[in-house]
C-alpha atoms as a PDB file:
ATOM      1  CA  MET A   1     113.752 100.225  85.001  1.00  0.00           C
ATOM      2  CA  VAL A   2     113.990 103.007  87.831  1.00  0.00           C
ATOM      3  CA  VAL A   3     110.345 101.821  88.927  1.00  0.00           C
ATOM      4  CA  ALA A   4     111.341  97.681  89.123  1.00  0.00           C
ATOM      5  CA  VAL A   5     114.077  99.180  91.431  1.00  0.00           C
ATOM      6  CA  VAL A   6     111.507 101.328  93.748  1.00  0.00           C
ATOM      7  CA  ILE A   7     109.069  98.137  94.044  1.00  0.00           C
ATOM      8  CA  GLY A   8     112.175  95.827  94.259  1.00  0.00           C
ATOM      9  CA  VAL A   9     113.497  97.839  97.456  1.00  0.00           C
ATOM     10  CA  CYS A  10     109.677  98.268  98.828  1.00  0.00           C
ATOM     11  CA  VAL A  11     109.040  94.468  98.664  1.00  0.00           C
ATOM     12  CA  VAL A  12     112.897  93.952 100.335  1.00  0.00           C
ATOM     13  CA  LEU A  13     112.033  96.205 102.903  1.00  0.00           C
ATOM     14  CA  ALA A  14     108.143  94.873 103.500  1.00  0.00           C
ATOM     15  CA  VAL A  15     109.852  91.226 104.161  1.00  0.00           C
ATOM     16  CA  LEU A  16     112.548  92.692 106.217  1.00  0.00           C
ATOM     17  CA  ALA A  17     109.905  94.782 108.556  1.00  0.00           C
ATOM     18  CA  PHE A  18     107.980  91.524 108.922  1.00  0.00           C
ATOM     19  CA  LEU A  19     110.834  89.461 109.865  1.00  0.00           C
ATOM     20  CA  VAL A  20     113.148  91.886 111.875  1.00  0.00           C
ATOM     21  CA  PRO A  21     111.219  95.172 112.646  1.00  0.00           C
ATOM     22  CA  ARG A  22     113.508  96.918 114.868  1.00  0.00           C
ATOM     23  CA  LEU A  23     116.543  96.179 112.176  1.00  0.00           C
ATOM     24  CA  SER A  24     114.107  97.668 109.258  1.00  0.00           C
ATOM     25  CA  ARG A  25     114.423 100.898 110.384  1.00  0.00           C
ATOM     26  CA  HIS A  26     118.153 102.000 109.261  1.00  0.00           C
ATOM     27  CA  PRO A  27     117.581 100.588 105.746  1.00  0.00           C
ATOM     28  CA  GLU A  28     114.255 102.537 105.837  1.00  0.00           C
ATOM     29  CA  ARG A  29     115.718 105.737 107.061  1.00  0.00           C
ATOM     30  CA  GLY A  30     118.811 105.321 104.384  1.00  0.00           C
ATOM     31  CA  THR A  31     116.430 104.718 101.411  1.00  0.00           C
ATOM     32  CA  GLN A  32     114.610 107.806 102.821  1.00  0.00           C
ATOM     33  CA  ARG A  33     117.582 109.860 103.121  1.00  0.00           C
ATOM     34  CA  SER A  34     118.856 109.058  99.511  1.00  0.00           C
ATOM     35  CA  LEU A  35     115.438 109.682  97.805  1.00  0.00           C
ATOM     36  CA  GLY A  36     115.011 112.733  99.616  1.00  0.00           C
ATOM     37  CA  LEU A  37     118.500 113.819  98.328  1.00  0.00           C
ATOM     38  CA  GLY A  38     117.257 113.095  94.942  1.00  0.00           C
ATOM     39  CA  ALA A  39     114.290 115.360  95.456  1.00  0.00           C
ATOM     40  CA  ARG A  40     116.022 118.310  96.665  1.00  0.00           C
ATOM     41  CA  ALA A  41     118.337 117.850  93.557  1.00  0.00           C
ATOM     42  CA  GLY A  42     115.554 118.199  91.322  1.00  0.00           C
ATOM     43  CA  GLY A  43     113.452 120.465  93.185  1.00  0.00           C
ATOM     44  CA  LYS A  44     116.301 123.089  92.422  1.00  0.00           C
ATOM     45  CA  ALA A  45     115.240 123.477  88.722  1.00  0.00           C
ATOM     46  CA  PRO A  46     113.572 126.473  88.054  1.00  0.00           C
ATOM     47  CA  GLY A  47     109.780 126.788  87.831  1.00  0.00           C
ATOM     48  CA  VAL A  48     107.473 123.973  87.102  1.00  0.00           C
ATOM     49  CA  LEU A  49     110.464 121.767  86.342  1.00  0.00           C
ATOM     50  CA  GLY A  50     111.436 121.646  89.620  1.00  0.00           C
ATOM     51  CA  LYS A  51     108.161 120.448  90.959  1.00  0.00           C
ATOM     52  CA  LEU A  52     108.128 117.631  87.668  1.00  0.00           C
ATOM     53  CA  PHE A  53     111.751 116.457  88.621  1.00  0.00           C
ATOM     54  CA  SER A  54     111.097 116.232  92.169  1.00  0.00           C
ATOM     55  CA  LYS A  55     107.882 114.250  92.290  1.00  0.00           C
ATOM     56  CA  PRO A  56     108.782 110.577  91.405  1.00  0.00           C
ATOM     57  CA  PHE A  57     111.344 111.140  94.289  1.00  0.00           C
ATOM     58  CA  ASN A  58     108.437 112.203  96.505  1.00  0.00           C
ATOM     59  CA  SER A  59     105.960 109.598  95.638  1.00  0.00           C
ATOM     60  CA  SER A  60     109.078 106.748  95.988  1.00  0.00           C
ATOM     61  CA  SER A  61     109.858 107.884  99.306  1.00  0.00           C
ATOM     62  CA  ARG A  62     106.127 107.644 100.323  1.00  0.00           C
ATOM     63  CA  ALA A  63     105.973 104.424  98.925  1.00  0.00           C
ATOM     64  CA  VAL A  64     109.050 102.960 100.933  1.00  0.00           C
ATOM     65  CA  SER A  65     107.605 104.511 103.855  1.00  0.00           C
ATOM     66  CA  ARG A  66     104.273 102.895 103.529  1.00  0.00           C
ATOM     67  CA  SER A  67     105.873  99.356 102.871  1.00  0.00           C
ATOM     68  CA  GLY A  68     108.016  99.434 105.717  1.00  0.00           C
ATOM     69  CA  SER A  69     105.232 100.356 107.934  1.00  0.00           C
ATOM     70  CA  ALA A  70     102.888  97.760 106.579  1.00  0.00           C
ATOM     71  CA  GLY A  71     105.619  95.031 107.119  1.00  0.00           C
ATOM     72  CA  ARG A  72     105.733  96.049 110.935  1.00  0.00           C
ATOM     73  CA  ARG A  73     101.979  96.290 111.070  1.00  0.00           C
ATOM     74  CA  ALA A  74     101.620  92.976 109.651  1.00  0.00           C
ATOM     75  CA  ARG A  75     103.865  91.348 112.309  1.00  0.00           C
ATOM     76  CA  GLY A  76     102.173  92.950 115.329  1.00  0.00           C
ATOM     77  CA  HIS A  77      98.959  91.380 114.188  1.00  0.00           C
ATOM     78  CA  MET A  78     100.156  87.828 113.819  1.00  0.00           C
ATOM     79  CA  PRO A  79      99.643  85.571 116.780  1.00  0.00           C
ATOM     80  CA  PHE A  80     102.965  84.562 117.748  1.00  0.00           C
END
């Protein structure tokens, strides 16, 4: 369920970054902020559990960042 939501956000962000690159930055930052909040909350668990709980949020944040930059990069390669 959560994986599907992250994939959906990445796809929407990539399409938005391709169509309107400047307007895609705000939703990307908002998503990054919410995922960072979850990572910080998960990281407060003691010991190894902290790393274990914050890892999904960190990897999701990285995926969101990559999808947004990939959409903007693809737009830059288009001939129009």
